[in-house]
C-alpha atoms as a PDB file:
ATOM      1  CA  UNK A   1     -17.500 -12.626   8.941  1.00  0.00           C
ATOM      2  CA  UNK A   2     -13.743 -13.185   8.597  1.00  0.00           C
ATOM      3  CA  UNK A   3     -11.620 -13.302  11.752  1.00  0.00           C
ATOM      4  CA  UNK A   4      -9.063 -10.429  11.949  1.00  0.00           C
ATOM      5  CA  UNK A   5      -5.496 -11.615  11.423  1.00  0.00           C
ATOM      6  CA  UNK A   6      -3.418 -10.942  14.563  1.00  0.00           C
ATOM      7  CA  UNK A   7      -0.547  -8.467  14.450  1.00  0.00           C
ATOM      8  CA  UNK A   8       1.868 -11.289  15.283  1.00  0.00           C
ATOM      9  CA  UNK A   9       1.183 -12.773  11.827  1.00  0.00           C
ATOM     10  CA  UNK A  10       0.893  -9.513   9.908  1.00  0.00           C
ATOM     11  CA  UNK A  11       4.282  -8.165  10.979  1.00  0.00           C
ATOM     12  CA  UNK A  12       6.288 -11.128   9.605  1.00  0.00           C
ATOM     13  CA  UNK A  13       4.406 -10.690   6.322  1.00  0.00           C
ATOM     14  CA  UNK A  14       5.428  -7.028   6.209  1.00  0.00           C
ATOM     15  CA  UNK A  15       9.022  -7.998   7.005  1.00  0.00           C
ATOM     16  CA  UNK A  16       9.169 -10.541   4.177  1.00  0.00           C
ATOM     17  CA  UNK A  17       7.376  -8.280   1.722  1.00  0.00           C
ATOM     18  CA  UNK A  18       9.720  -5.358   2.359  1.00  0.00           C
ATOM     19  CA  UNK A  19      12.707  -7.709   2.178  1.00  0.00           C
ATOM     20  CA  UNK A  20      11.511  -8.746  -1.286  1.00  0.00           C
ATOM     21  CA  UNK A  21      10.971  -5.154  -2.398  1.00  0.00           C
ATOM     22  CA  UNK A  22      14.514  -4.095  -1.452  1.00  0.00           C
ATOM     23  CA  UNK A  23      16.206  -7.295  -2.544  1.00  0.00           C
ATOM     24  CA  UNK A  24      14.328  -7.410  -5.850  1.00  0.00           C
ATOM     25  CA  UNK A  25      14.233  -3.718  -6.670  1.00  0.00           C
ATOM     26  CA  UNK A  26      17.650  -2.647  -5.412  1.00  0.00           C
ATOM     27  CA  UNK A  27      19.084  -5.996  -6.489  1.00  0.00           C
ATOM     28  CA  UNK A  28      18.065  -5.322 -10.081  1.00  0.00           C
ATOM     29  CA  UNK A  29      19.867  -1.970  -9.875  1.00  0.00           C
ATOM     30  CA  UNK A  30      23.027  -3.338  -8.269  1.00  0.00           C
ATOM     31  CA  UNK A  31      23.351  -6.670 -10.102  1.00  0.00           C
ATOM     32  CA  UNK A  32      21.604  -6.254 -13.443  1.00  0.00           C
ATOM     33  CA  UNK A  33      21.157  -2.607 -14.460  1.00  0.00           C
ATOM     34  CA  UNK A  34      24.601  -2.159 -16.027  1.00  0.00           C
ATOM     35  CA  UNK A  35      25.507  -5.766 -16.752  1.00  0.00           C
ATOM     36  CA  UNK A  36      27.761  -5.764 -19.848  1.00  0.00           C
ATOM     37  CA  UNK A  37      25.737  -5.772 -23.088  1.00  0.00           C
ATOM     38  CA  UNK A  38      22.605  -7.190 -21.429  1.00  0.00           C
ATOM     39  CA  UNK A  39      21.971  -4.592 -18.728  1.00  0.00           C
ATOM     40  CA  UNK A  40      18.331  -3.845 -17.958  1.00  0.00           C
ATOM     41  CA  UNK A  41      18.850  -0.094 -17.447  1.00  0.00           C
ATOM     42  CA  UNK A  42      16.450   2.346 -15.796  1.00  0.00           C
ATOM     43  CA  UNK A  43      13.373   0.784 -17.402  1.00  0.00           C
ATOM     44  CA  UNK A  44      14.272  -2.668 -16.120  1.00  0.00           C
ATOM     45  CA  UNK A  45      14.894  -1.420 -12.589  1.00  0.00           C
ATOM     46  CA  UNK A  46      11.586   0.470 -12.617  1.00  0.00           C
ATOM     47  CA  UNK A  47       9.757  -2.671 -13.738  1.00  0.00           C
ATOM     48  CA  UNK A  48      11.534  -4.751 -11.087  1.00  0.00           C
ATOM     49  CA  UNK A  49      10.323  -2.475  -8.299  1.00  0.00           C
ATOM     50  CA  UNK A  50       6.796  -2.618  -9.695  1.00  0.00           C
ATOM     51  CA  UNK A  51       6.911  -6.398  -9.910  1.00  0.00           C
ATOM     52  CA  UNK A  52       8.047  -6.774  -6.302  1.00  0.00           C
ATOM     53  CA  UNK A  53       4.962  -4.906  -5.107  1.00  0.00           C
ATOM     54  CA  UNK A  54       2.612  -6.636  -7.539  1.00  0.00           C
ATOM     55  CA  UNK A  55       3.810 -10.124  -6.556  1.00  0.00           C
ATOM     56  CA  UNK A  56       3.753  -9.389  -2.827  1.00  0.00           C
ATOM     57  CA  UNK A  57       0.320  -7.768  -3.045  1.00  0.00           C
ATOM     58  CA  UNK A  58      -1.074 -11.070  -4.267  1.00  0.00           C
ATOM     59  CA  UNK A  59       1.093 -13.093  -1.868  1.00  0.00           C
ATOM     60  CA  UNK A  60       0.545 -11.214   1.408  1.00  0.00           C
ATOM     61  CA  UNK A  61      -2.076  -8.541   0.663  1.00  0.00           C
ATOM     62  CA  UNK A  62      -4.743 -10.665   2.334  1.00  0.00           C
ATOM     63  CA  UNK A  63      -2.516 -11.074   5.410  1.00  0.00           C
ATOM     64  CA  UNK A  64      -1.021  -7.653   6.161  1.00  0.00           C
ATOM     65  CA  UNK A  65      -2.389  -5.382   3.457  1.00  0.00           C
ATOM     66  CA  UNK A  66       1.080  -5.346   1.829  1.00  0.00           C
ATOM     67  CA  UNK A  67       2.148  -1.837   2.830  1.00  0.00           C
ATOM     68  CA  UNK A  68       5.936  -2.498   2.583  1.00  0.00           C
ATOM     69  CA  UNK A  69       6.518   1.206   3.173  1.00  0.00           C
ATOM     70  CA  UNK A  70       6.229   3.466   6.242  1.00  0.00           C
ATOM     71  CA  UNK A  71       4.821   6.227   4.030  1.00  0.00           C
ATOM     72  CA  UNK A  72       2.024   3.920   2.849  1.00  0.00           C
ATOM     73  CA  UNK A  73       1.170   2.966   6.428  1.00  0.00           C
ATOM     74  CA  UNK A  74       1.119   6.628   7.468  1.00  0.00           C
ATOM     75  CA  UNK A  75      -0.990   7.624   4.449  1.00  0.00           C
ATOM     76  CA  UNK A  76      -3.508   4.884   5.175  1.00  0.00           C
ATOM     77  CA  UNK A  77      -3.649   5.953   8.815  1.00  0.00           C
ATOM     78  CA  UNK A  78      -4.302   9.590   7.877  1.00  0.00           C
ATOM     79  CA  UNK A  79      -7.036   8.425   5.476  1.00  0.00           C
ATOM     80  CA  UNK A  80      -8.583   6.455   8.368  1.00  0.00           C
ATOM     81  CA  UNK A  81      -7.888   3.110   6.714  1.00  0.00           C
ATOM     82  CA  UNK A  82      -5.346   1.870   9.274  1.00  0.00           C
ATOM     83  CA  UNK A  83      -5.231   1.991  13.108  1.00  0.00           C
ATOM     84  CA  UNK A  84      -2.656   4.117  14.914  1.00  0.00           C
ATOM     85  CA  UNK A  85      -1.978   1.246  17.316  1.00  0.00           C
ATOM     86  CA  UNK A  86      -0.500  -0.888  14.515  1.00  0.00           C
ATOM     87  CA  UNK A  87       1.677   1.865  13.027  1.00  0.00           C
ATOM     88  CA  UNK A  88       4.856   1.428  15.154  1.00  0.00           C
ATOM     89  CA  UNK A  89       4.944  -2.333  14.583  1.00  0.00           C
ATOM     90  CA  UNK A  90       4.435  -2.008  10.841  1.00  0.00           C
ATOM     91  CA  UNK A  91       7.167   0.611  10.477  1.00  0.00           C
ATOM     92  CA  UNK A  92       9.614  -1.452  12.538  1.00  0.00           C
ATOM     93  CA  UNK A  93       8.905  -4.612  10.495  1.00  0.00           C
ATOM     94  CA  UNK A  94       9.301  -2.691   7.227  1.00  0.00           C
ATOM     95  CA  UNK A  95      12.624  -1.124   8.211  1.00  0.00           C
ATOM     96  CA  UNK A  96      13.999  -4.432   9.503  1.00  0.00           C
ATOM     97  CA  UNK A  97      12.880  -6.199   6.323  1.00  0.00           C
ATOM     98  CA  UNK A  98      14.572  -3.536   4.207  1.00  0.00           C
ATOM     99  CA  UNK A  99      17.823  -3.838   6.152  1.00  0.00           C
ATOM    100  CA  UNK A 100      17.742  -7.636   5.865  1.00  0.00           C
ATOM    101  CA  UNK A 101      17.076  -7.419   2.119  1.00  0.00           C
ATOM    102  CA  UNK A 102      19.964  -4.999   1.663  1.00  0.00           C
ATOM    103  CA  UNK A 103      22.159  -7.257   3.785  1.00  0.00           C
ATOM    104  CA  UNK A 104      21.558 -10.331   1.638  1.00  0.00           C
ATOM    105  CA  UNK A 105      22.064  -8.224  -1.488  1.00  0.00           C
ATOM    106  CA  UNK A 106      25.375  -6.958  -0.071  1.00  0.00           C
ATOM    107  CA  UNK A 107      26.472 -10.530   0.649  1.00  0.00           C
ATOM    108  CA  UNK A 108      25.776 -11.549  -2.957  1.00  0.00           C
ATOM    109  CA  UNK A 109      27.190  -8.398  -4.579  1.00  0.00           C
ATOM    110  CA  UNK A 110      30.402  -8.536  -2.554  1.00  0.00           C
ATOM    111  CA  UNK A 111      31.084 -11.979  -4.011  1.00  0.00           C
ATOM    112  CA  UNK A 112      32.271 -10.296  -7.209  1.00  0.00           C
ATOM    113  CA  UNK A 113      35.843  -9.020  -7.370  1.00  0.00           C
ATOM    114  CA  UNK A 114      36.023  -5.248  -7.381  1.00  0.00           C
ATOM    115  CA  UNK A 115      32.616  -4.639  -5.791  1.00  0.00           C
ATOM    116  CA  UNK A 116      32.539  -1.405  -3.805  1.00  0.00           C
ATOM    117  CA  UNK A 117      29.584   0.252  -2.061  1.00  0.00           C
ATOM    118  CA  UNK A 118      31.043   3.653  -2.944  1.00  0.00           C
ATOM    119  CA  UNK A 119      29.248   3.183  -6.265  1.00  0.00           C
ATOM    120  CA  UNK A 120      26.020   3.879  -4.360  1.00  0.00           C
ATOM    121  CA  UNK A 121      24.539   0.414  -3.748  1.00  0.00           C
ATOM    122  CA  UNK A 122      21.182   1.741  -5.051  1.00  0.00           C
ATOM    123  CA  UNK A 123      21.102   4.402  -2.317  1.00  0.00           C
ATOM    124  CA  UNK A 124      19.008   7.519  -2.737  1.00  0.00           C
ATOM    125  CA  UNK A 125      20.687  10.902  -2.885  1.00  0.00           C
ATOM    126  CA  UNK A 126      20.526  14.533  -3.925  1.00  0.00           C
ATOM    127  CA  UNK A 127      23.029  17.047  -5.263  1.00  0.00           C
ATOM    128  CA  UNK A 128      26.294  15.305  -6.068  1.00  0.00           C
ATOM    129  CA  UNK A 129      24.673  11.962  -5.215  1.00  0.00           C
ATOM    130  CA  UNK A 130      21.641  12.386  -7.468  1.00  0.00           C
ATOM    131  CA  UNK A 131      22.064  10.248 -10.621  1.00  0.00           C
ATOM    132  CA  UNK A 132      21.280  13.317 -12.735  1.00  0.00           C
ATOM    133  CA  UNK A 133      22.880  15.886 -10.428  1.00  0.00           C
ATOM    134  CA  UNK A 134      19.554  17.372  -9.298  1.00  0.00           C
ATOM    135  CA  UNK A 135      19.438  19.927  -6.474  1.00  0.00           C
ATOM    136  CA  UNK A 136      18.078  19.365  -2.986  1.00  0.00           C
ATOM    137  CA  UNK A 137      14.993  21.421  -3.854  1.00  0.00           C
ATOM    138  CA  UNK A 138      14.303  19.443  -7.017  1.00  0.00           C
ATOM    139  CA  UNK A 139      14.750  16.110  -5.226  1.00  0.00           C
ATOM    140  CA  UNK A 140      12.535  17.173  -2.340  1.00  0.00           C
ATOM    141  CA  UNK A 141       9.789  18.247  -4.741  1.00  0.00           C
ATOM    142  CA  UNK A 142      10.038  15.048  -6.782  1.00  0.00           C
ATOM    143  CA  UNK A 143       9.826  12.789  -3.727  1.00  0.00           C
ATOM    144  CA  UNK A 144       6.826  14.634  -2.258  1.00  0.00           C
ATOM    145  CA  UNK A 145       4.893  14.733  -5.552  1.00  0.00           C
ATOM    146  CA  UNK A 146       5.656  11.156  -6.583  1.00  0.00           C
ATOM    147  CA  UNK A 147       4.789   9.780  -3.134  1.00  0.00           C
ATOM    148  CA  UNK A 148       1.547  11.764  -3.197  1.00  0.00           C
ATOM    149  CA  UNK A 149       0.481  10.190  -6.489  1.00  0.00           C
ATOM    150  CA  UNK A 150       1.613   6.734  -5.397  1.00  0.00           C
ATOM    151  CA  UNK A 151      -0.603   6.984  -2.308  1.00  0.00           C
ATOM    152  CA  UNK A 152      -3.480   8.373  -4.355  1.00  0.00           C
ATOM    153  CA  UNK A 153      -3.168   5.317  -6.597  1.00  0.00           C
ATOM    154  CA  UNK A 154      -3.165   2.984  -3.591  1.00  0.00           C
ATOM    155  CA  UNK A 155      -6.114   4.681  -1.916  1.00  0.00           C
ATOM    156  CA  UNK A 156      -8.129   4.738  -5.130  1.00  0.00           C
ATOM    157  CA  UNK A 157      -7.313   1.185  -6.224  1.00  0.00           C
ATOM    158  CA  UNK A 158      -8.243  -0.205  -2.799  1.00  0.00           C
ATOM    159  CA  UNK A 159     -11.437   1.844  -2.444  1.00  0.00           C
ATOM    160  CA  UNK A 160     -14.397  -0.506  -1.963  1.00  0.00           C
ATOM    161  CA  UNK A 161     -16.045   1.140  -5.016  1.00  0.00           C
ATOM    162  CA  UNK A 162     -13.090   0.355  -7.303  1.00  0.00           C
ATOM    163  CA  UNK A 163     -13.063  -2.774  -9.514  1.00  0.00           C
ATOM    164  CA  UNK A 164     -12.193  -5.675  -7.242  1.00  0.00           C
ATOM    165  CA  UNK A 165      -9.097  -7.826  -7.682  1.00  0.00           C
ATOM    166  CA  UNK A 166      -7.111  -5.376  -9.804  1.00  0.00           C
ATOM    167  CA  UNK A 167      -5.525  -3.222  -7.090  1.00  0.00           C
ATOM    168  CA  UNK A 168      -2.140  -5.042  -7.144  1.00  0.00           C
ATOM    169  CA  UNK A 169      -1.830  -4.442 -10.893  1.00  0.00           C
ATOM    170  CA  UNK A 170      -2.630  -0.729 -10.617  1.00  0.00           C
ATOM    171  CA  UNK A 171      -0.291  -0.279  -7.654  1.00  0.00           C
ATOM    172  CA  UNK A 172       2.558  -2.253  -9.237  1.00  0.00           C
ATOM    173  CA  UNK A 173       2.281  -0.332 -12.496  1.00  0.00           C
ATOM    174  CA  UNK A 174       2.010   2.929 -10.553  1.00  0.00           C
ATOM    175  CA  UNK A 175       5.279   2.171  -8.773  1.00  0.00           C
ATOM    176  CA  UNK A 176       6.880   1.310 -12.113  1.00  0.00           C
ATOM    177  CA  UNK A 177       5.762   4.633 -13.580  1.00  0.00           C
ATOM    178  CA  UNK A 178       7.058   6.767 -10.738  1.00  0.00           C
ATOM    179  CA  UNK A 179      10.404   4.959 -10.915  1.00  0.00           C
ATOM    180  CA  UNK A 180      10.639   5.774 -14.605  1.00  0.00           C
ATOM    181  CA  UNK A 181      10.197   9.425 -13.652  1.00  0.00           C
ATOM    182  CA  UNK A 182      12.242   9.533 -10.468  1.00  0.00           C
ATOM    183  CA  UNK A 183      15.282   7.263 -10.902  1.00  0.00           C
ATOM    184  CA  UNK A 184      17.326   9.960 -12.674  1.00  0.00           C
ATOM    185  CA  UNK A 185      16.434  12.461  -9.943  1.00  0.00           C
ATOM    186  CA  UNK A 186      17.011  10.626  -6.636  1.00  0.00           C
ATOM    187  CA  UNK A 187      17.284   6.936  -7.600  1.00  0.00           C
ATOM    188  CA  UNK A 188      13.683   7.144  -6.382  1.00  0.00           C
ATOM    189  CA  UNK A 189      12.677   6.386  -2.842  1.00  0.00           C
ATOM    190  CA  UNK A 190       9.013   7.217  -1.992  1.00  0.00           C
ATOM    191  CA  UNK A 191       9.732   4.665   0.738  1.00  0.00           C
ATOM    192  CA  UNK A 192      11.781   5.460   3.866  1.00  0.00           C
ATOM    193  CA  UNK A 193      12.440   1.776   4.593  1.00  0.00           C
ATOM    194  CA  UNK A 194      13.753   1.153   1.060  1.00  0.00           C
ATOM    195  CA  UNK A 195      16.127   4.118   1.514  1.00  0.00           C
ATOM    196  CA  UNK A 196      17.297   3.057   4.959  1.00  0.00           C
ATOM    197  CA  UNK A 197      18.383  -0.471   4.031  1.00  0.00           C
ATOM    198  CA  UNK A 198      21.043   0.397   1.418  1.00  0.00           C
ATOM    199  CA  UNK A 199      22.096   3.592   3.246  1.00  0.00           C
ATOM    200  CA  UNK A 200      23.215   1.621   6.296  1.00  0.00           C
ATOM    201  CA  UNK A 201      25.676  -0.330   4.142  1.00  0.00           C
ATOM    202  CA  UNK A 202      26.962   2.704   2.242  1.00  0.00           C
ATOM    203  CA  UNK A 203      27.284   4.911   5.325  1.00  0.00           C
ATOM    204  CA  UNK A 204      28.738   8.424   5.069  1.00  0.00           C
ATOM    205  CA  UNK A 205      26.836  10.604   2.621  1.00  0.00           C
ATOM    206  CA  UNK A 206      23.954   8.117   2.326  1.00  0.00           C
ATOM    207  CA  UNK A 207      23.253   8.351   6.054  1.00  0.00           C
ATOM    208  CA  UNK A 208      23.680  12.135   6.020  1.00  0.00           C
ATOM    209  CA  UNK A 209      21.103  12.517   3.235  1.00  0.00           C
ATOM    210  CA  UNK A 210      18.681   9.901   4.560  1.00  0.00           C
ATOM    211  CA  UNK A 211      16.577  12.550   6.345  1.00  0.00           C
ATOM    212  CA  UNK A 212      15.139  13.719   3.016  1.00  0.00           C
ATOM    213  CA  UNK A 213      13.993  10.225   2.111  1.00  0.00           C
ATOM    214  CA  UNK A 214      12.063   9.971   5.343  1.00  0.00           C
ATOM    215  CA  UNK A 215      10.692  13.501   5.404  1.00  0.00           C
ATOM    216  CA  UNK A 216       9.573  13.898   1.775  1.00  0.00           C
ATOM    217  CA  UNK A 217       7.711  10.561   1.407  1.00  0.00           C
ATOM    218  CA  UNK A 218       5.951  11.065   4.743  1.00  0.00           C
ATOM    219  CA  UNK A 219       4.818  14.562   3.701  1.00  0.00           C
ATOM    220  CA  UNK A 220       3.570  13.275   0.337  1.00  0.00           C
ATOM    221  CA  UNK A 221       1.728  10.413   2.022  1.00  0.00           C
ATOM    222  CA  UNK A 222       0.164  12.699   4.609  1.00  0.00           C
ATOM    223  CA  UNK A 223      -1.110  15.048   1.883  1.00  0.00           C
ATOM    224  CA  UNK A 224      -2.609  12.142  -0.069  1.00  0.00           C
ATOM    225  CA  UNK A 225      -4.184  10.736   3.083  1.00  0.00           C
ATOM    226  CA  UNK A 226      -5.914  14.064   3.609  1.00  0.00           C
ATOM    227  CA  UNK A 227      -6.813  14.716  -0.042  1.00  0.00           C
ATOM    228  CA  UNK A 228      -8.236  11.364  -1.159  1.00  0.00           C
ATOM    229  CA  UNK A 229     -11.079  11.102   1.385  1.00  0.00           C
ATOM    230  CA  UNK A 230     -12.197  14.638   0.515  1.00  0.00           C
ATOM    231  CA  UNK A 231     -12.095  13.975  -3.221  1.00  0.00           C
ATOM    232  CA  UNK A 232     -13.711  10.537  -3.007  1.00  0.00           C
ATOM    233  CA  UNK A 233     -16.316  11.290  -0.359  1.00  0.00           C
ATOM    234  CA  UNK A 234     -19.733   9.969  -1.311  1.00  0.00           C
ATOM    235  CA  UNK A 235     -22.346  12.702  -1.627  1.00  0.00           C
ATOM    236  CA  UNK A 236     -25.330  12.650   0.689  1.00  0.00           C
ATOM    237  CA  UNK A 237     -28.464  11.749  -1.286  1.00  0.00           C
ATOM    238  CA  UNK A 238     -30.760  14.660  -2.014  1.00  0.00           C
ATOM    239  CA  UNK A 239     -33.677  14.476   0.459  1.00  0.00           C
ATOM    240  CA  UNK A 240     -36.268  15.565  -2.099  1.00  0.00           C
ATOM    241  CA  UNK A 241     -35.193  12.909  -4.608  1.00  0.00           C
ATOM    242  CA  UNK A 242     -35.221  10.224  -1.945  1.00  0.00           C
ATOM    243  CA  UNK A 243     -38.737  11.221  -0.859  1.00  0.00           C
ATOM    244  CA  UNK A 244     -39.966  11.225  -4.473  1.00  0.00           C
ATOM    245  CA  UNK A 245     -38.403   7.852  -5.224  1.00  0.00           C
ATOM    246  CA  UNK A 246     -39.992   6.297  -2.158  1.00  0.00           C
ATOM    247  CA  UNK A 247     -43.562   7.177  -3.202  1.00  0.00           C
END
């Protein structure tokens, strides 16, 4: 039987993993998305976010579970896959990692003449601050639905009955897909920590709108945490068939 990894080692893993998610994902948006002639665009940013999770899932999944997202931790708790006692520490490590990742990204980005965080710095927003000008209602719906399906993917891919060893690929590709859908709507969050890091550097409107990018992902995660165990529950064997088979 394997010895449980202490929280004191899991929290640094969550910090580093969330740092990588924000630095890699938001960094691709800030530094590479619109680079003259060679910009990676929405598709490249979506893939970058997916790759951060895929790489960290293999790097630290066996240490901390590689949540990297308060909504994921909450969804796993609701689904009875994660203890309540570890939730505050995980969320704190994730938020701090996201802020540190955004801080290093800011340091690099500000080394270019003319850089200005008023361009958004990969922050999430609605209304006038939505990339496509989507309303509050549309952005709220998108964040709830996309977080729900992201958590359903995580819960299904990590189910003990699922094919083993492939969960990071499914989860990374799932995050890529929901970014392809959601970047034009909100710049896509589905992750309160990811939203908090850049927002602290942008300030103003990004802080004012941050509530949505905590509330909507947490609601979507909670719904998935309730729905998946019901949908995936193993049926009780039929007593008559068991008795017949045992003869």
